[in-house]
Amino acid sequence: MKSKKFKFLLRPWEIALFLALVVTFCAGIWAQRTQDRLSGQLIRLHVVANSDSSEDQAEKLQLRDRVLALLSPLLADCETQEEAVAVILENMDAIEALGDVSVSLETEYYPTREYSTFSLPAGEYLSLRVEIGQGQGHNWWCVVFPPLCTEALAEDTGDTADAFNLLSDEDESLITQDEGYVLRFRLVELWGELKETLS
């Protein structure tokens, strides 16, 4: 009896689909590792307004400025996220005293976000969350450690601290590049959506 040999040939579209899946998987792993590395170095600041009225939105920005003014000098000597966490926890009462607010230090999900001098990928970050009153209004978020927000807000005065020196050269380059970073950071969001769908 003759043995039968079966040829397994992939059609061009199947090869293209397979390669696209491999590229997506590799890009997703890279994007997730990048976000995880950045997340381990940063503390985001999330200020939530009482409501969307013009008065409450103005109060949100005023409170943001007061929080940054309080914390920036206190965090100036911190070199790691752990040191910054300790300082923030020691000053939670002082932050609460800035207004009718509730304050927590928790992990929150943030979408990809572009700022004037840098951009951050989507993902979960340790977050100093400050809610004003009912916390039903639009929010404001940035980074309290390193003081990247302070630097961005101070741009107009020229009085900027080099907060980026607390990041590696690779991470600084990644978040401050003018081209391509939004697409790469969007991969983090797509990768998270794909994982959620598959699970």
N, C-alpha and C. Protein backbone atom coordinates (compact mmCIF):
# COMPACT_ATOMS: atom_id res chain seq x y z
N MET A 1 0.85 -1.18 0.00
CA MET A 1 0.00 0.00 0.00
C MET A 1 0.89 1.24 0.00
N LYS A 2 0.61 2.10 -0.93
CA LYS A 2 1.43 3.30 -1.04
C LYS A 2 1.04 4.30 0.05
N SER A 3 2.08 4.87 0.64
CA SER A 3 1.80 5.90 1.65
C SER A 3 1.44 7.20 0.96
N LYS A 4 0.48 7.85 1.52
CA LYS A 4 0.04 9.12 0.94
C LYS A 4 0.71 10.28 1.66
N LYS A 5 1.25 11.16 0.88
CA LYS A 5 1.86 12.36 1.44
C LYS A 5 0.93 13.54 1.19
N PHE A 6 0.67 14.22 2.28
CA PHE A 6 -0.22 15.38 2.17
C PHE A 6 0.61 16.66 2.20
N LYS A 7 0.35 17.49 1.28
CA LYS A 7 1.02 18.80 1.25
C LYS A 7 0.13 19.81 1.94
N PHE A 8 0.75 20.53 2.85
CA PHE A 8 0.01 21.56 3.57
C PHE A 8 0.49 22.92 3.06
N LEU A 9 -0.27 23.52 2.23
CA LEU A 9 0.11 24.80 1.65
C LEU A 9 -0.80 25.90 2.18
N LEU A 10 -0.17 26.97 2.58
CA LEU A 10 -0.95 28.13 3.03
C LEU A 10 -1.17 29.06 1.85
N ARG A 11 -2.36 29.56 1.79
CA ARG A 11 -2.66 30.55 0.76
C ARG A 11 -2.07 31.90 1.18
N PRO A 12 -1.80 32.77 0.23
CA PRO A 12 -1.17 34.07 0.55
C PRO A 12 -1.91 34.85 1.63
N TRP A 13 -3.24 34.87 1.61
CA TRP A 13 -3.97 35.64 2.60
C TRP A 13 -3.83 35.02 4.00
N GLU A 14 -3.66 33.69 4.05
CA GLU A 14 -3.46 33.03 5.34
C GLU A 14 -2.08 33.37 5.91
N ILE A 15 -1.09 33.42 5.03
CA ILE A 15 0.26 33.81 5.47
C ILE A 15 0.25 35.25 5.96
N ALA A 16 -0.43 36.12 5.22
CA ALA A 16 -0.50 37.53 5.62
C ALA A 16 -1.21 37.68 6.96
N LEU A 17 -2.28 36.92 7.15
CA LEU A 17 -3.01 36.98 8.42
C LEU A 17 -2.15 36.49 9.58
N PHE A 18 -1.42 35.38 9.34
CA PHE A 18 -0.54 34.83 10.37
C PHE A 18 0.54 35.84 10.74
N LEU A 19 1.16 36.46 9.74
CA LEU A 19 2.22 37.44 10.00
C LEU A 19 1.66 38.66 10.74
N ALA A 20 0.44 39.07 10.36
CA ALA A 20 -0.18 40.21 11.05
C ALA A 20 -0.43 39.89 12.52
N LEU A 21 -0.85 38.66 12.80
CA LEU A 21 -1.08 38.25 14.18
C LEU A 21 0.22 38.22 14.97
N VAL A 22 1.28 37.73 14.35
CA VAL A 22 2.60 37.68 15.02
C VAL A 22 3.08 39.09 15.33
N VAL A 23 2.97 39.99 14.34
CA VAL A 23 3.40 41.38 14.54
C VAL A 23 2.57 42.05 15.64
N THR A 24 1.26 41.83 15.62
CA THR A 24 0.37 42.40 16.63
C THR A 24 0.74 41.89 18.02
N PHE A 25 1.00 40.58 18.13
CA PHE A 25 1.36 39.99 19.41
C PHE A 25 2.67 40.57 19.94
N CYS A 26 3.67 40.65 19.06
CA CYS A 26 4.97 41.19 19.48
C CYS A 26 4.87 42.67 19.86
N ALA A 27 4.12 43.43 19.04
CA ALA A 27 3.95 44.85 19.34
C ALA A 27 3.19 45.03 20.64
N GLY A 28 2.19 44.18 20.87
CA GLY A 28 1.42 44.27 22.11
C GLY A 28 2.27 43.99 23.33
N ILE A 29 3.12 43.00 23.25
CA ILE A 29 4.01 42.68 24.38
C ILE A 29 4.96 43.85 24.63
N TRP A 30 5.53 44.41 23.55
CA TRP A 30 6.44 45.56 23.71
C TRP A 30 5.70 46.72 24.36
N ALA A 31 4.50 47.02 23.84
CA ALA A 31 3.74 48.16 24.35
C ALA A 31 3.39 47.96 25.82
N GLN A 32 3.00 46.75 26.20
CA GLN A 32 2.63 46.49 27.59
C GLN A 32 3.83 46.62 28.51
N ARG A 33 4.97 46.10 28.07
CA ARG A 33 6.19 46.22 28.89
C ARG A 33 6.59 47.69 29.06
N THR A 34 6.45 48.46 27.98
CA THR A 34 6.77 49.88 28.05
C THR A 34 5.88 50.58 29.07
N GLN A 35 4.58 50.32 28.98
CA GLN A 35 3.64 50.95 29.92
C GLN A 35 3.92 50.52 31.35
N ASP A 36 4.19 49.23 31.55
CA ASP A 36 4.49 48.73 32.90
C ASP A 36 5.72 49.41 33.48
N ARG A 37 6.75 49.59 32.63
CA ARG A 37 7.98 50.23 33.10
C ARG A 37 7.71 51.68 33.50
N LEU A 38 6.98 52.41 32.64
CA LEU A 38 6.66 53.80 32.97
C LEU A 38 5.77 53.89 34.21
N SER A 39 4.81 52.98 34.30
CA SER A 39 3.89 52.99 35.44
C SER A 39 4.62 52.82 36.75
N GLY A 40 5.71 52.07 36.74
CA GLY A 40 6.48 51.84 37.95
C GLY A 40 7.32 53.02 38.37
N GLN A 41 7.35 54.08 37.55
CA GLN A 41 8.16 55.25 37.87
C GLN A 41 7.34 56.50 38.15
N LEU A 42 6.07 56.48 37.74
CA LEU A 42 5.26 57.70 37.80
C LEU A 42 4.15 57.63 38.84
N ILE A 43 3.70 58.79 39.28
CA ILE A 43 2.46 58.92 40.04
C ILE A 43 1.63 59.97 39.33
N ARG A 44 0.46 59.58 38.85
CA ARG A 44 -0.41 60.51 38.15
C ARG A 44 -1.20 61.34 39.16
N LEU A 45 -1.68 62.48 38.72
CA LEU A 45 -2.55 63.33 39.52
C LEU A 45 -3.88 63.42 38.80
N HIS A 46 -4.96 63.11 39.50
CA HIS A 46 -6.30 63.08 38.91
C HIS A 46 -7.21 63.95 39.77
N VAL A 47 -7.59 65.10 39.24
CA VAL A 47 -8.46 66.03 39.96
C VAL A 47 -9.83 66.00 39.29
N VAL A 48 -10.86 65.68 40.06
CA VAL A 48 -12.22 65.55 39.53
C VAL A 48 -13.08 66.69 40.08
N ALA A 49 -13.71 67.44 39.18
CA ALA A 49 -14.52 68.59 39.57
C ALA A 49 -15.84 68.15 40.21
N ASN A 50 -16.41 69.02 41.00
CA ASN A 50 -17.72 68.77 41.61
C ASN A 50 -18.79 68.59 40.53
N SER A 51 -18.77 69.46 39.50
CA SER A 51 -19.74 69.39 38.40
C SER A 51 -19.10 70.03 37.18
N ASP A 52 -19.87 70.14 36.12
CA ASP A 52 -19.37 70.76 34.90
C ASP A 52 -19.73 72.24 34.79
N SER A 53 -20.23 72.82 35.86
CA SER A 53 -20.52 74.26 35.82
C SER A 53 -19.20 75.01 35.66
N SER A 54 -19.26 76.20 35.09
CA SER A 54 -18.03 76.98 34.88
C SER A 54 -17.33 77.29 36.20
N GLU A 55 -18.11 77.51 37.25
CA GLU A 55 -17.52 77.80 38.56
C GLU A 55 -16.77 76.59 39.10
N ASP A 56 -17.40 75.41 38.99
CA ASP A 56 -16.77 74.20 39.51
C ASP A 56 -15.55 73.80 38.67
N GLN A 57 -15.61 74.05 37.38
CA GLN A 57 -14.45 73.74 36.54
C GLN A 57 -13.29 74.69 36.84
N ALA A 58 -13.62 75.94 37.12
CA ALA A 58 -12.57 76.90 37.52
C ALA A 58 -11.97 76.50 38.86
N GLU A 59 -12.83 76.05 39.78
CA GLU A 59 -12.34 75.61 41.09
C GLU A 59 -11.41 74.40 40.95
N LYS A 60 -11.73 73.52 40.01
CA LYS A 60 -10.88 72.34 39.76
C LYS A 60 -9.46 72.76 39.40
N LEU A 61 -9.34 73.74 38.52
CA LEU A 61 -8.01 74.19 38.10
C LEU A 61 -7.29 74.92 39.22
N GLN A 62 -8.04 75.67 40.02
CA GLN A 62 -7.42 76.33 41.17
C GLN A 62 -6.92 75.31 42.18
N LEU A 63 -7.72 74.26 42.41
CA LEU A 63 -7.30 73.21 43.34
C LEU A 63 -6.08 72.47 42.80
N ARG A 64 -6.09 72.19 41.49
CA ARG A 64 -4.92 71.57 40.87
C ARG A 64 -3.66 72.36 41.18
N ASP A 65 -3.73 73.68 41.00
CA ASP A 65 -2.57 74.53 41.25
C ASP A 65 -2.15 74.47 42.71
N ARG A 66 -3.13 74.43 43.63
CA ARG A 66 -2.79 74.37 45.06
C ARG A 66 -2.14 73.03 45.41
N VAL A 67 -2.65 71.93 44.83
CA VAL A 67 -2.07 70.61 45.09
C VAL A 67 -0.63 70.57 44.59
N LEU A 68 -0.41 71.06 43.37
CA LEU A 68 0.95 71.07 42.81
C LEU A 68 1.87 71.98 43.61
N ALA A 69 1.36 73.12 44.05
CA ALA A 69 2.18 74.04 44.85
C ALA A 69 2.56 73.42 46.18
N LEU A 70 1.65 72.64 46.77
CA LEU A 70 1.94 71.96 48.04
C LEU A 70 2.94 70.83 47.85
N LEU A 71 2.71 69.99 46.84
CA LEU A 71 3.50 68.76 46.71
C LEU A 71 4.84 68.95 46.00
N SER A 72 4.92 69.88 45.08
CA SER A 72 6.16 70.01 44.29
C SER A 72 7.40 70.18 45.15
N PRO A 73 7.41 71.10 46.11
CA PRO A 73 8.61 71.22 46.94
C PRO A 73 8.84 70.00 47.84
N LEU A 74 7.75 69.37 48.28
CA LEU A 74 7.89 68.20 49.15
C LEU A 74 8.46 67.00 48.40
N LEU A 75 8.15 66.92 47.10
CA LEU A 75 8.62 65.79 46.29
C LEU A 75 9.95 66.07 45.58
N ALA A 76 10.46 67.29 45.76
CA ALA A 76 11.65 67.71 45.01
C ALA A 76 12.86 66.81 45.24
N ASP A 77 13.00 66.27 46.44
CA ASP A 77 14.17 65.45 46.74
C ASP A 77 13.94 63.96 46.52
N CYS A 78 12.73 63.59 46.13
CA CYS A 78 12.43 62.17 45.89
C CYS A 78 13.06 61.72 44.58
N GLU A 79 13.62 60.52 44.60
CA GLU A 79 14.24 59.97 43.40
C GLU A 79 13.53 58.74 42.88
N THR A 80 12.62 58.17 43.68
CA THR A 80 11.91 56.97 43.25
C THR A 80 10.42 57.12 43.54
N GLN A 81 9.65 56.29 42.90
CA GLN A 81 8.21 56.29 43.14
C GLN A 81 7.91 55.96 44.60
N GLU A 82 8.66 55.03 45.17
CA GLU A 82 8.44 54.63 46.56
C GLU A 82 8.64 55.80 47.52
N GLU A 83 9.69 56.59 47.29
CA GLU A 83 9.93 57.75 48.14
C GLU A 83 8.80 58.76 48.00
N ALA A 84 8.33 58.96 46.77
CA ALA A 84 7.24 59.91 46.53
C ALA A 84 5.95 59.44 47.19
N VAL A 85 5.68 58.14 47.14
CA VAL A 85 4.48 57.61 47.79
C VAL A 85 4.51 57.91 49.28
N ALA A 86 5.66 57.70 49.91
CA ALA A 86 5.78 57.94 51.35
C ALA A 86 5.49 59.41 51.68
N VAL A 87 6.01 60.32 50.86
CA VAL A 87 5.79 61.75 51.09
C VAL A 87 4.31 62.09 50.92
N ILE A 88 3.69 61.57 49.88
CA ILE A 88 2.27 61.86 49.64
C ILE A 88 1.41 61.33 50.78
N LEU A 89 1.69 60.10 51.22
CA LEU A 89 0.90 59.53 52.31
C LEU A 89 1.04 60.34 53.59
N GLU A 90 2.23 60.87 53.82
CA GLU A 90 2.45 61.70 55.01
C GLU A 90 1.68 63.02 54.94
N ASN A 91 1.31 63.43 53.74
CA ASN A 91 0.68 64.75 53.55
C ASN A 91 -0.76 64.68 53.05
N MET A 92 -1.40 63.53 53.22
CA MET A 92 -2.79 63.39 52.77
C MET A 92 -3.71 64.38 53.49
N ASP A 93 -3.50 64.58 54.79
CA ASP A 93 -4.33 65.53 55.53
C ASP A 93 -4.16 66.96 55.00
N ALA A 94 -2.94 67.30 54.66
CA ALA A 94 -2.67 68.64 54.13
C ALA A 94 -3.35 68.82 52.77
N ILE A 95 -3.38 67.77 51.96
CA ILE A 95 -4.07 67.85 50.67
C ILE A 95 -5.57 68.01 50.88
N GLU A 96 -6.12 67.23 51.80
CA GLU A 96 -7.56 67.33 52.09
C GLU A 96 -7.94 68.71 52.62
N ALA A 97 -7.01 69.35 53.31
CA ALA A 97 -7.28 70.67 53.88
C ALA A 97 -7.34 71.77 52.82
N LEU A 98 -6.98 71.43 51.58
CA LEU A 98 -6.97 72.44 50.51
C LEU A 98 -8.38 72.79 50.02
N GLY A 99 -9.38 71.99 50.42
CA GLY A 99 -10.75 72.28 49.98
C GLY A 99 -11.71 71.19 50.40
N ASP A 100 -12.93 71.27 49.87
CA ASP A 100 -13.94 70.24 50.14
C ASP A 100 -13.66 69.04 49.24
N VAL A 101 -12.67 68.25 49.64
CA VAL A 101 -12.19 67.19 48.76
C VAL A 101 -12.05 65.87 49.51
N SER A 102 -12.09 64.78 48.73
CA SER A 102 -11.69 63.48 49.25
C SER A 102 -10.46 63.07 48.46
N VAL A 103 -9.50 62.48 49.15
CA VAL A 103 -8.21 62.17 48.55
C VAL A 103 -7.89 60.69 48.74
N SER A 104 -7.38 60.07 47.68
CA SER A 104 -6.95 58.68 47.78
C SER A 104 -5.73 58.46 46.89
N LEU A 105 -4.98 57.44 47.22
CA LEU A 105 -3.83 57.02 46.40
C LEU A 105 -4.16 55.61 45.94
N GLU A 106 -4.48 55.46 44.65
CA GLU A 106 -4.97 54.19 44.15
C GLU A 106 -4.53 53.98 42.70
N THR A 107 -4.72 52.78 42.21
CA THR A 107 -4.40 52.48 40.82
C THR A 107 -5.61 52.79 39.95
N GLU A 108 -5.38 53.54 38.88
CA GLU A 108 -6.46 53.91 37.97
C GLU A 108 -6.01 53.68 36.53
N TYR A 109 -6.98 53.46 35.65
CA TYR A 109 -6.69 53.31 34.23
C TYR A 109 -6.76 54.68 33.55
N TYR A 110 -5.76 54.98 32.72
CA TYR A 110 -5.72 56.21 31.96
C TYR A 110 -5.60 55.88 30.47
N PRO A 111 -6.29 56.61 29.61
CA PRO A 111 -6.09 56.43 28.17
C PRO A 111 -4.78 57.09 27.74
N THR A 112 -4.36 56.84 26.50
CA THR A 112 -3.21 57.54 25.95
C THR A 112 -3.49 59.04 26.04
N ARG A 113 -2.48 59.78 26.47
CA ARG A 113 -2.70 61.21 26.71
C ARG A 113 -1.51 62.00 26.19
N GLU A 114 -1.79 63.06 25.41
CA GLU A 114 -0.76 63.96 24.91
C GLU A 114 -0.77 65.24 25.72
N TYR A 115 0.41 65.66 26.16
CA TYR A 115 0.58 66.94 26.83
C TYR A 115 1.45 67.82 25.95
N SER A 116 1.73 69.02 26.38
CA SER A 116 2.47 69.93 25.52
C SER A 116 3.91 69.49 25.27
N THR A 117 4.53 68.84 26.26
CA THR A 117 5.94 68.47 26.10
C THR A 117 6.18 66.97 26.11
N PHE A 118 5.15 66.17 26.33
CA PHE A 118 5.33 64.73 26.40
C PHE A 118 4.00 64.03 26.20
N SER A 119 4.06 62.71 26.08
CA SER A 119 2.86 61.90 25.92
C SER A 119 3.04 60.62 26.72
N LEU A 120 1.92 60.07 27.23
CA LEU A 120 1.99 58.84 28.02
C LEU A 120 1.05 57.78 27.45
N PRO A 121 1.49 56.52 27.47
CA PRO A 121 0.64 55.45 26.96
C PRO A 121 -0.51 55.13 27.90
N ALA A 122 -1.55 54.54 27.33
CA ALA A 122 -2.68 54.09 28.14
C ALA A 122 -2.22 53.00 29.09
N GLY A 123 -2.97 52.85 30.17
CA GLY A 123 -2.68 51.77 31.11
C GLY A 123 -3.00 52.15 32.53
N GLU A 124 -2.67 51.26 33.43
CA GLU A 124 -2.92 51.50 34.85
C GLU A 124 -1.71 52.17 35.49
N TYR A 125 -2.00 53.21 36.25
CA TYR A 125 -0.96 53.98 36.93
C TYR A 125 -1.36 54.21 38.37
N LEU A 126 -0.37 54.32 39.24
CA LEU A 126 -0.63 54.77 40.60
C LEU A 126 -1.08 56.22 40.50
N SER A 127 -2.17 56.56 41.19
CA SER A 127 -2.80 57.85 40.97
C SER A 127 -3.19 58.50 42.29
N LEU A 128 -2.82 59.77 42.42
CA LEU A 128 -3.32 60.59 43.51
C LEU A 128 -4.63 61.19 43.03
N ARG A 129 -5.74 60.68 43.54
CA ARG A 129 -7.07 61.09 43.08
C ARG A 129 -7.66 62.08 44.09
N VAL A 130 -8.01 63.26 43.58
CA VAL A 130 -8.57 64.31 44.41
C VAL A 130 -9.95 64.65 43.84
N GLU A 131 -11.00 64.31 44.59
CA GLU A 131 -12.38 64.58 44.16
C GLU A 131 -12.93 65.78 44.93
N ILE A 132 -13.49 66.73 44.17
CA ILE A 132 -14.08 67.90 44.80
C ILE A 132 -15.58 67.67 44.96
N GLY A 133 -16.07 67.85 46.17
CA GLY A 133 -17.51 67.72 46.42
C GLY A 133 -18.07 66.39 45.96
N GLN A 134 -19.04 66.44 45.02
CA GLN A 134 -19.68 65.22 44.53
C GLN A 134 -18.85 64.49 43.48
N GLY A 135 -17.82 65.11 42.95
CA GLY A 135 -16.96 64.46 41.95
C GLY A 135 -17.71 64.04 40.70
N GLN A 136 -18.64 64.89 40.23
CA GLN A 136 -19.46 64.55 39.07
C GLN A 136 -19.04 65.30 37.80
N GLY A 137 -18.01 66.12 37.87
CA GLY A 137 -17.62 66.93 36.72
C GLY A 137 -16.45 66.34 35.95
N HIS A 138 -16.11 67.03 34.86
CA HIS A 138 -14.96 66.62 34.07
C HIS A 138 -13.69 66.72 34.92
N ASN A 139 -12.73 65.90 34.56
CA ASN A 139 -11.53 65.83 35.38
C ASN A 139 -10.32 66.46 34.68
N TRP A 140 -9.23 66.49 35.41
CA TRP A 140 -7.94 66.94 34.89
C TRP A 140 -6.91 65.95 35.40
N TRP A 141 -6.02 65.52 34.51
CA TRP A 141 -4.98 64.60 34.98
C TRP A 141 -3.65 64.91 34.33
N CYS A 142 -2.62 64.58 35.08
CA CYS A 142 -1.25 64.73 34.57
C CYS A 142 -0.34 63.86 35.43
N VAL A 143 0.85 64.34 35.73
CA VAL A 143 1.82 63.55 36.51
C VAL A 143 2.35 64.42 37.63
N VAL A 144 2.21 63.94 38.86
CA VAL A 144 2.72 64.70 40.00
C VAL A 144 4.15 64.30 40.35
N PHE A 145 4.51 63.04 40.02
CA PHE A 145 5.90 62.61 40.22
C PHE A 145 6.33 61.71 39.08
N PRO A 146 7.49 62.00 38.45
CA PRO A 146 8.25 63.25 38.54
C PRO A 146 7.36 64.44 38.19
N PRO A 147 7.78 65.66 38.57
CA PRO A 147 6.89 66.82 38.40
C PRO A 147 6.77 67.27 36.95
N LEU A 148 6.30 66.37 36.08
CA LEU A 148 6.17 66.70 34.67
C LEU A 148 5.07 67.72 34.43
N CYS A 149 4.01 67.69 35.24
CA CYS A 149 2.93 68.66 35.08
C CYS A 149 3.38 70.04 35.49
N THR A 150 4.12 70.12 36.56
CA THR A 150 4.64 71.40 37.01
C THR A 150 5.47 72.03 35.91
N GLU A 151 6.27 71.18 35.25
CA GLU A 151 7.11 71.66 34.16
C GLU A 151 6.26 72.15 33.00
N ALA A 152 5.22 71.39 32.66
CA ALA A 152 4.36 71.77 31.55
C ALA A 152 3.61 73.06 31.86
N LEU A 153 3.11 73.21 33.09
CA LEU A 153 2.36 74.40 33.46
C LEU A 153 3.25 75.63 33.55
N ALA A 154 4.54 75.41 33.83
CA ALA A 154 5.46 76.53 33.99
C ALA A 154 6.13 76.95 32.68
N GLU A 155 5.81 76.26 31.60
CA GLU A 155 6.45 76.54 30.31
C GLU A 155 6.39 78.01 29.93
N ASP A 156 5.24 78.63 30.13
CA ASP A 156 5.06 80.01 29.69
C ASP A 156 5.98 80.98 30.43
N THR A 157 6.33 80.65 31.65
CA THR A 157 7.19 81.55 32.42
C THR A 157 8.67 81.26 32.20
N GLY A 158 8.96 80.10 31.61
CA GLY A 158 10.34 79.72 31.42
C GLY A 158 10.96 79.14 32.68
N ASP A 159 10.18 79.06 33.74
CA ASP A 159 10.67 78.54 35.02
C ASP A 159 10.36 77.05 35.11
N THR A 160 11.13 76.24 34.40
CA THR A 160 10.85 74.81 34.35
C THR A 160 11.95 74.02 35.03
N ALA A 161 11.53 72.99 35.75
CA ALA A 161 12.50 72.07 36.36
C ALA A 161 12.72 70.92 35.40
N ASP A 162 13.91 70.37 35.42
CA ASP A 162 14.19 69.25 34.52
C ASP A 162 13.71 67.96 35.17
N ALA A 163 12.41 67.76 35.14
CA ALA A 163 11.83 66.58 35.78
C ALA A 163 12.17 65.30 35.04
N PHE A 164 12.50 65.44 33.77
CA PHE A 164 12.77 64.24 32.97
C PHE A 164 14.04 63.52 33.40
N ASN A 165 14.90 64.20 34.18
CA ASN A 165 16.15 63.53 34.55
C ASN A 165 15.94 62.37 35.52
N LEU A 166 14.71 62.23 36.05
CA LEU A 166 14.42 61.08 36.91
C LEU A 166 14.03 59.85 36.10
N LEU A 167 13.87 60.03 34.79
CA LEU A 167 13.57 58.91 33.90
C LEU A 167 14.84 58.50 33.16
N SER A 168 14.87 57.26 32.71
CA SER A 168 16.00 56.82 31.90
C SER A 168 15.99 57.59 30.57
N ASP A 169 17.15 57.63 29.91
CA ASP A 169 17.22 58.30 28.61
C ASP A 169 16.24 57.68 27.62
N GLU A 170 16.11 56.35 27.70
CA GLU A 170 15.21 55.63 26.80
C GLU A 170 13.76 56.05 27.03
N ASP A 171 13.34 56.12 28.31
CA ASP A 171 11.96 56.48 28.61
C ASP A 171 11.69 57.95 28.31
N GLU A 172 12.67 58.82 28.59
CA GLU A 172 12.50 60.24 28.26
C GLU A 172 12.32 60.41 26.76
N SER A 173 13.17 59.73 25.99
CA SER A 173 13.07 59.81 24.54
C SER A 173 11.73 59.30 24.05
N LEU A 174 11.28 58.21 24.66
CA LEU A 174 10.02 57.59 24.25
C LEU A 174 8.83 58.52 24.43
N ILE A 175 8.74 59.17 25.59
CA ILE A 175 7.54 59.97 25.86
C ILE A 175 7.62 61.38 25.31
N THR A 176 8.81 61.82 24.85
CA THR A 176 8.93 63.19 24.34
C THR A 176 9.13 63.24 22.84
N GLN A 177 9.15 62.12 22.15
CA GLN A 177 9.32 62.13 20.70
C GLN A 177 8.15 62.83 20.03
N ASP A 178 8.46 63.55 18.96
CA ASP A 178 7.42 64.28 18.24
C ASP A 178 6.62 63.40 17.29
N GLU A 179 7.23 62.32 16.79
CA GLU A 179 6.56 61.52 15.78
C GLU A 179 6.51 60.06 16.20
N GLY A 180 5.36 59.45 15.94
CA GLY A 180 5.26 58.01 16.09
C GLY A 180 4.84 57.50 17.45
N TYR A 181 4.97 58.32 18.50
CA TYR A 181 4.69 57.78 19.82
C TYR A 181 3.22 57.51 20.04
N VAL A 182 2.34 58.33 19.47
CA VAL A 182 0.91 58.12 19.67
C VAL A 182 0.48 56.78 19.08
N LEU A 183 1.01 56.45 17.91
CA LEU A 183 0.69 55.17 17.29
C LEU A 183 1.19 54.03 18.17
N ARG A 184 2.42 54.13 18.67
CA ARG A 184 2.96 53.07 19.52
C ARG A 184 2.16 52.97 20.82
N PHE A 185 1.78 54.10 21.39
CA PHE A 185 1.02 54.07 22.63
C PHE A 185 -0.40 53.56 22.41
N ARG A 186 -0.93 53.80 21.22
CA ARG A 186 -2.26 53.28 20.90
C ARG A 186 -2.24 51.75 20.91
N LEU A 187 -1.07 51.17 20.63
CA LEU A 187 -0.94 49.72 20.69
C LEU A 187 -1.27 49.18 22.08
N VAL A 188 -0.92 49.94 23.11
CA VAL A 188 -1.23 49.51 24.48
C VAL A 188 -2.73 49.37 24.65
N GLU A 189 -3.48 50.37 24.16
CA GLU A 189 -4.93 50.31 24.28
C GLU A 189 -5.51 49.14 23.48
N LEU A 190 -5.03 48.97 22.25
CA LEU A 190 -5.52 47.87 21.41
C LEU A 190 -5.17 46.51 22.01
N TRP A 191 -3.98 46.41 22.57
CA TRP A 191 -3.54 45.16 23.19
C TRP A 191 -4.43 44.83 24.39
N GLY A 192 -4.72 45.85 25.20
CA GLY A 192 -5.61 45.63 26.35
C GLY A 192 -7.00 45.21 25.92
N GLU A 193 -7.51 45.84 24.87
CA GLU A 193 -8.83 45.47 24.36
C GLU A 193 -8.84 44.05 23.83
N LEU A 194 -7.76 43.66 23.13
CA LEU A 194 -7.66 42.30 22.58
C LEU A 194 -7.61 41.28 23.71
N LYS A 195 -6.81 41.55 24.75
CA LYS A 195 -6.72 40.61 25.87
C LYS A 195 -8.06 40.45 26.56
N GLU A 196 -8.76 41.60 26.71
CA GLU A 196 -10.07 41.54 27.38
C GLU A 196 -11.08 40.74 26.54
N THR A 197 -11.02 40.91 25.23
CA THR A 197 -11.92 40.17 24.33
C THR A 197 -11.65 38.68 24.38
N LEU A 198 -10.36 38.31 24.36
CA LEU A 198 -10.00 36.90 24.35
C LEU A 198 -10.30 36.21 25.68
N SER A 199 -10.28 36.99 26.77
CA SER A 199 -10.56 36.38 28.07
C SER A 199 -12.05 36.37 28.34
